[in-house]
N, C-alpha and C. Protein backbone atom coordinates (compact mmCIF):
# COMPACT_ATOMS: atom_id res chain seq x y z
N MET A 1 22.77 -1.29 19.61
CA MET A 1 22.82 -1.37 18.15
C MET A 1 21.71 -0.61 17.55
N LYS A 2 21.87 -0.07 16.53
CA LYS A 2 21.18 0.75 15.90
C LYS A 2 19.98 0.04 15.18
N LYS A 3 18.94 0.51 15.22
CA LYS A 3 17.60 -0.66 14.54
C LYS A 3 17.75 -0.16 12.78
N PRO A 4 17.86 -1.10 11.96
CA PRO A 4 17.96 -0.85 10.38
C PRO A 4 16.77 -0.13 9.84
N PHE A 5 16.72 0.29 8.79
CA PHE A 5 15.75 1.15 8.39
C PHE A 5 14.92 0.30 7.27
N TYR A 6 15.45 -1.00 6.85
CA TYR A 6 14.86 -2.02 6.12
C TYR A 6 15.09 -3.36 6.83
N THR A 7 14.42 -4.24 6.50
CA THR A 7 14.89 -6.09 6.69
C THR A 7 14.29 -6.68 5.45
N TRP A 8 14.54 -7.67 5.07
CA TRP A 8 14.03 -8.70 4.26
C TRP A 8 13.22 -9.78 5.11
N ASP A 9 11.72 -10.03 4.38
CA ASP A 9 10.88 -11.03 4.69
C ASP A 9 10.86 -11.91 3.47
N GLY A 10 11.94 -12.88 3.49
CA GLY A 10 11.83 -13.60 2.10
C GLY A 10 12.50 -12.87 0.85
N ASP A 11 11.71 -12.96 -0.25
CA ASP A 11 12.12 -11.97 -1.33
C ASP A 11 11.40 -10.51 -1.04
N THR A 12 10.93 -10.31 0.14
CA THR A 12 10.09 -8.79 0.37
C THR A 12 10.79 -7.89 1.18
N LEU A 13 11.03 -6.66 0.49
CA LEU A 13 11.98 -5.70 1.29
C LEU A 13 11.02 -4.98 2.22
N VAL A 14 11.14 -4.78 3.36
CA VAL A 14 10.26 -3.91 4.23
C VAL A 14 10.98 -2.74 4.65
N LEU A 15 10.57 -1.56 4.25
CA LEU A 15 11.49 -0.32 4.33
C LEU A 15 10.53 0.69 5.43
N ASN A 16 11.21 1.02 6.43
CA ASN A 16 10.71 2.19 7.30
C ASN A 16 10.88 3.43 6.56
N ILE A 17 9.80 4.23 6.33
CA ILE A 17 10.10 5.47 5.72
C ILE A 17 9.60 6.94 6.49
N LEU A 18 10.47 8.00 6.28
CA LEU A 18 9.83 9.36 6.75
C LEU A 18 9.90 9.95 5.71
N GLY A 19 8.64 10.28 5.22
CA GLY A 19 8.02 10.96 4.03
C GLY A 19 8.07 12.45 4.16
N THR A 20 8.48 13.03 3.17
CA THR A 20 8.42 14.57 3.33
C THR A 20 7.59 14.81 1.93
N PRO A 21 6.54 15.57 2.14
CA PRO A 21 5.80 15.78 0.95
C PRO A 21 5.76 17.15 0.73
N ASN A 22 5.23 17.64 -0.50
CA ASN A 22 5.33 18.99 -1.00
C ASN A 22 6.77 19.18 -1.20
N ALA A 23 7.95 18.57 -1.58
CA ALA A 23 9.14 18.77 -1.86
C ALA A 23 9.21 19.32 -3.22
N LYS A 24 10.61 20.09 -3.42
CA LYS A 24 10.91 20.44 -4.64
C LYS A 24 11.19 19.10 -5.87
N ARG A 25 11.54 17.98 -5.54
CA ARG A 25 11.39 17.04 -6.30
C ARG A 25 11.49 15.88 -5.76
N ASP A 26 10.99 14.56 -6.50
CA ASP A 26 10.98 13.15 -5.92
C ASP A 26 12.67 12.84 -5.66
N ALA A 27 12.56 12.47 -4.24
CA ALA A 27 13.95 11.89 -4.02
C ALA A 27 14.19 10.82 -3.18
N ILE A 28 14.99 9.93 -2.94
CA ILE A 28 15.23 9.01 -1.94
C ILE A 28 16.34 9.63 -1.43
N GLY A 29 16.26 9.82 0.22
CA GLY A 29 17.53 11.07 0.71
C GLY A 29 18.16 9.88 1.73
N LYS A 30 18.87 10.44 2.99
CA LYS A 30 19.58 9.79 3.69
C LYS A 30 18.82 9.18 4.61
N VAL A 31 19.40 8.00 5.30
CA VAL A 31 18.70 7.64 6.55
C VAL A 31 18.70 8.35 8.03
N LYS A 32 17.51 8.57 8.32
CA LYS A 32 17.68 9.45 9.83
C LYS A 32 16.95 8.44 10.76
N GLY A 33 17.79 8.03 11.77
CA GLY A 33 17.47 7.27 12.90
C GLY A 33 17.25 5.71 12.21
N HIS A 34 16.02 5.21 12.29
CA HIS A 34 15.75 4.21 11.62
C HIS A 34 14.74 4.11 10.72
N GLN A 35 14.92 5.20 9.66
CA GLN A 35 13.86 5.44 8.44
C GLN A 35 14.68 6.08 7.49
N LEU A 36 14.49 5.51 6.27
CA LEU A 36 14.83 6.07 4.93
C LEU A 36 14.02 7.40 4.56
N CYS A 37 14.65 8.82 4.28
CA CYS A 37 14.07 10.03 4.20
C CYS A 37 13.69 9.67 2.36
N VAL A 38 12.31 9.81 2.35
CA VAL A 38 11.81 9.78 0.86
C VAL A 38 11.15 11.32 0.54
N SER A 39 11.36 12.21 -0.28
CA SER A 39 10.85 13.52 -0.62
C SER A 39 9.99 13.31 -1.89
N VAL A 40 8.52 13.54 -2.06
CA VAL A 40 8.04 13.67 -3.12
C VAL A 40 7.16 15.12 -3.29
N THR A 41 6.96 15.38 -4.51
CA THR A 41 6.30 16.72 -4.68
C THR A 41 4.73 16.82 -4.46
N ALA A 42 4.27 15.54 -4.42
CA ALA A 42 2.82 15.66 -4.00
C ALA A 42 2.64 16.30 -2.80
N ILE A 43 0.99 17.25 -2.64
CA ILE A 43 0.61 17.57 -1.30
C ILE A 43 0.14 16.62 -0.54
N PRO A 44 0.28 16.91 0.72
CA PRO A 44 -0.36 15.85 1.32
C PRO A 44 -1.90 15.79 1.70
N ARG A 45 -2.57 15.62 0.70
CA ARG A 45 -4.09 15.55 0.98
C ARG A 45 -4.86 14.60 0.78
N ALA A 46 -5.37 13.70 1.66
CA ALA A 46 -6.15 12.35 1.43
C ALA A 46 -5.52 11.17 1.07
N GLY A 47 -4.12 10.99 1.34
CA GLY A 47 -3.20 10.26 0.80
C GLY A 47 -2.51 10.47 -0.58
N ARG A 48 -2.75 11.46 -1.22
CA ARG A 48 -2.20 11.38 -2.37
C ARG A 48 -0.66 11.59 -2.46
N ALA A 49 0.19 12.19 -1.26
CA ALA A 49 1.38 12.10 -1.25
C ALA A 49 1.76 10.77 -1.28
N THR A 50 1.15 9.93 -0.49
CA THR A 50 1.73 8.58 -0.19
C THR A 50 1.45 7.53 -1.50
N ASP A 51 0.44 7.90 -2.30
CA ASP A 51 0.32 7.21 -3.69
C ASP A 51 1.33 7.70 -4.52
N HIS A 52 1.62 8.81 -4.57
CA HIS A 52 2.64 9.47 -5.42
C HIS A 52 3.88 8.82 -5.15
N MET A 53 4.37 8.70 -3.62
CA MET A 53 5.64 7.79 -3.07
C MET A 53 5.62 6.43 -3.69
N VAL A 54 4.34 5.99 -3.64
CA VAL A 54 4.31 4.29 -4.13
C VAL A 54 4.90 4.65 -5.75
N ARG A 55 4.37 5.37 -6.38
CA ARG A 55 4.63 5.38 -7.79
C ARG A 55 5.85 5.57 -8.35
N PHE A 56 6.38 6.53 -7.24
CA PHE A 56 7.96 6.86 -7.65
C PHE A 56 8.77 5.87 -7.33
N LEU A 57 8.46 5.24 -5.92
CA LEU A 57 9.48 4.21 -5.50
C LEU A 57 9.07 2.89 -6.42
N ALA A 58 7.96 2.49 -6.94
CA ALA A 58 8.01 1.43 -7.99
C ALA A 58 9.07 1.75 -9.18
N ASP A 59 9.11 3.07 -9.69
CA ASP A 59 9.78 3.27 -10.69
C ASP A 59 11.45 2.90 -10.43
N GLU A 60 11.86 3.26 -8.99
CA GLU A 60 13.22 3.18 -8.25
C GLU A 60 13.40 1.67 -8.01
N PHE A 61 12.51 1.03 -7.63
CA PHE A 61 12.81 -0.48 -7.37
C PHE A 61 12.63 -1.16 -8.54
N GLY A 62 11.92 -0.66 -9.52
CA GLY A 62 11.73 -1.65 -10.67
C GLY A 62 10.46 -2.74 -10.55
N VAL A 63 9.59 -2.21 -9.85
CA VAL A 63 8.59 -3.09 -9.68
C VAL A 63 7.02 -2.42 -9.90
N SER A 64 5.83 -3.00 -10.19
CA SER A 64 4.84 -2.57 -10.66
C SER A 64 4.35 -2.09 -9.14
N VAL A 65 3.36 -0.70 -9.38
CA VAL A 65 2.77 -0.25 -8.11
C VAL A 65 2.01 -1.24 -7.15
N GLY A 66 1.65 -2.35 -7.86
CA GLY A 66 0.87 -3.46 -7.23
C GLY A 66 1.70 -4.32 -6.43
N ASP A 67 2.89 -4.36 -6.40
CA ASP A 67 4.19 -5.02 -5.91
C ASP A 67 4.54 -4.07 -4.31
N ILE A 68 4.07 -3.04 -4.39
CA ILE A 68 4.03 -2.26 -3.31
C ILE A 68 2.82 -2.21 -2.18
N GLN A 69 2.96 -2.56 -0.86
CA GLN A 69 1.84 -2.51 0.18
C GLN A 69 2.26 -1.39 1.14
N VAL A 70 1.34 -0.51 1.42
CA VAL A 70 1.62 0.14 2.42
C VAL A 70 0.89 -0.60 3.50
N VAL A 71 1.87 -0.87 4.86
CA VAL A 71 1.65 -1.74 5.98
C VAL A 71 1.07 -0.67 6.75
N PHE A 72 1.35 0.47 7.10
CA PHE A 72 1.06 1.58 7.76
C PHE A 72 1.69 3.08 7.47
N GLY A 73 0.83 4.01 7.71
CA GLY A 73 1.28 5.40 7.68
C GLY A 73 0.71 6.13 6.43
N ARG A 74 -0.55 5.58 5.78
CA ARG A 74 -0.94 6.27 4.30
C ARG A 74 -1.20 7.79 4.61
N MET A 75 -1.68 7.98 5.78
CA MET A 75 -1.88 9.40 6.08
C MET A 75 -1.07 10.17 7.03
N ASN A 76 0.26 9.50 7.07
CA ASN A 76 1.27 9.74 8.00
C ASN A 76 2.75 10.27 7.34
N VAL A 77 3.51 10.70 7.83
CA VAL A 77 4.94 10.91 7.56
C VAL A 77 5.53 9.39 7.58
N ASN A 78 5.39 9.02 9.09
CA ASN A 78 6.00 7.81 9.18
C ASN A 78 5.18 6.61 8.78
N LYS A 79 5.77 5.81 7.78
CA LYS A 79 5.25 5.13 6.84
C LYS A 79 6.08 3.73 7.00
N GLN A 80 5.77 2.36 6.51
CA GLN A 80 6.18 1.09 6.50
C GLN A 80 5.78 0.57 5.17
N LEU A 81 6.57 0.18 4.47
CA LEU A 81 6.08 -0.19 2.92
C LEU A 81 6.78 -1.64 2.96
N ARG A 82 6.21 -2.44 1.97
CA ARG A 82 6.34 -3.96 1.91
C ARG A 82 6.59 -3.94 0.17
N ILE A 83 7.93 -4.03 -0.41
CA ILE A 83 8.20 -3.96 -1.94
C ILE A 83 8.28 -5.46 -2.18
N LYS A 84 7.71 -6.10 -2.86
CA LYS A 84 7.90 -7.36 -3.32
C LYS A 84 8.68 -7.59 -4.45
N ALA A 85 10.04 -8.43 -4.33
CA ALA A 85 10.88 -8.98 -5.04
C ALA A 85 11.38 -7.61 -6.12
N PRO A 86 11.91 -6.78 -5.34
CA PRO A 86 12.57 -5.49 -6.04
C PRO A 86 13.57 -5.99 -7.27
N LYS A 87 13.60 -5.17 -8.13
CA LYS A 87 14.75 -5.73 -9.30
C LYS A 87 15.95 -4.68 -9.24
N ARG A 88 15.92 -3.43 -8.67
CA ARG A 88 16.68 -2.81 -8.50
C ARG A 88 16.70 -2.11 -7.04
N LEU A 89 17.96 -1.84 -6.38
CA LEU A 89 18.41 -1.51 -5.39
C LEU A 89 18.84 -0.09 -5.13
N PRO A 90 18.30 1.02 -4.68
CA PRO A 90 19.13 2.33 -4.44
C PRO A 90 20.43 2.07 -3.63
N PRO A 91 21.52 3.04 -3.99
CA PRO A 91 22.67 2.44 -3.06
C PRO A 91 22.59 2.35 -1.90
N LEU A 92 21.66 3.13 -1.15
CA LEU A 92 21.87 2.60 0.46
C LEU A 92 21.43 1.12 0.95
N ILE A 93 20.53 0.81 -0.19
CA ILE A 93 20.34 -0.71 0.30
C ILE A 93 21.14 -1.71 -0.52
N GLY A 94 21.73 -1.14 -1.74
CA GLY A 94 22.48 -1.87 -2.66
C GLY A 94 23.80 -2.18 -1.78
N GLN A 95 24.03 -1.62 -1.11
CA GLN A 95 25.74 -1.86 -0.44
C GLN A 95 25.45 -3.04 0.23
N GLN A 96 24.08 -3.28 0.53
CA GLN A 96 24.14 -4.42 1.54
C GLN A 96 23.93 -5.91 0.77
N GLU A 97 23.89 -6.98 1.33
CA GLU A 97 23.86 -8.18 0.88
C GLU A 97 22.40 -8.58 0.54
N PHE A 98 22.11 -8.86 -0.63
CA PHE A 98 20.96 -9.21 -1.10
C PHE A 98 20.68 -10.78 -1.16
N PRO A 99 19.72 -11.02 -0.19
CA PRO A 99 19.06 -12.38 -0.06
C PRO A 99 18.59 -13.19 -1.01
N LEU A 100 19.22 -14.02 -1.43
CA LEU A 100 18.61 -15.12 -2.47
C LEU A 100 19.11 -16.66 -2.16
């Protein structure tokens, strides 16, 4: 059985991400293996691309930047994020059951 790219911990969404810095546009892509591909326009210098990704995803999920925690991977393309009580879900996650 394939490992999912996300899980729920109560009302917190735990996402495994494969980041792509220095992209043409900020975008949530497809699932690759057990990670969600997320591209950002920021360059990968001193964690700036991850910070930019957090701001982009906060808007996408309808939460504040403070509601997103980078568990690991701030300086790496392989990341895990915890998003507290997302208000919106992208289609890849929105098709799944929302736990309430």
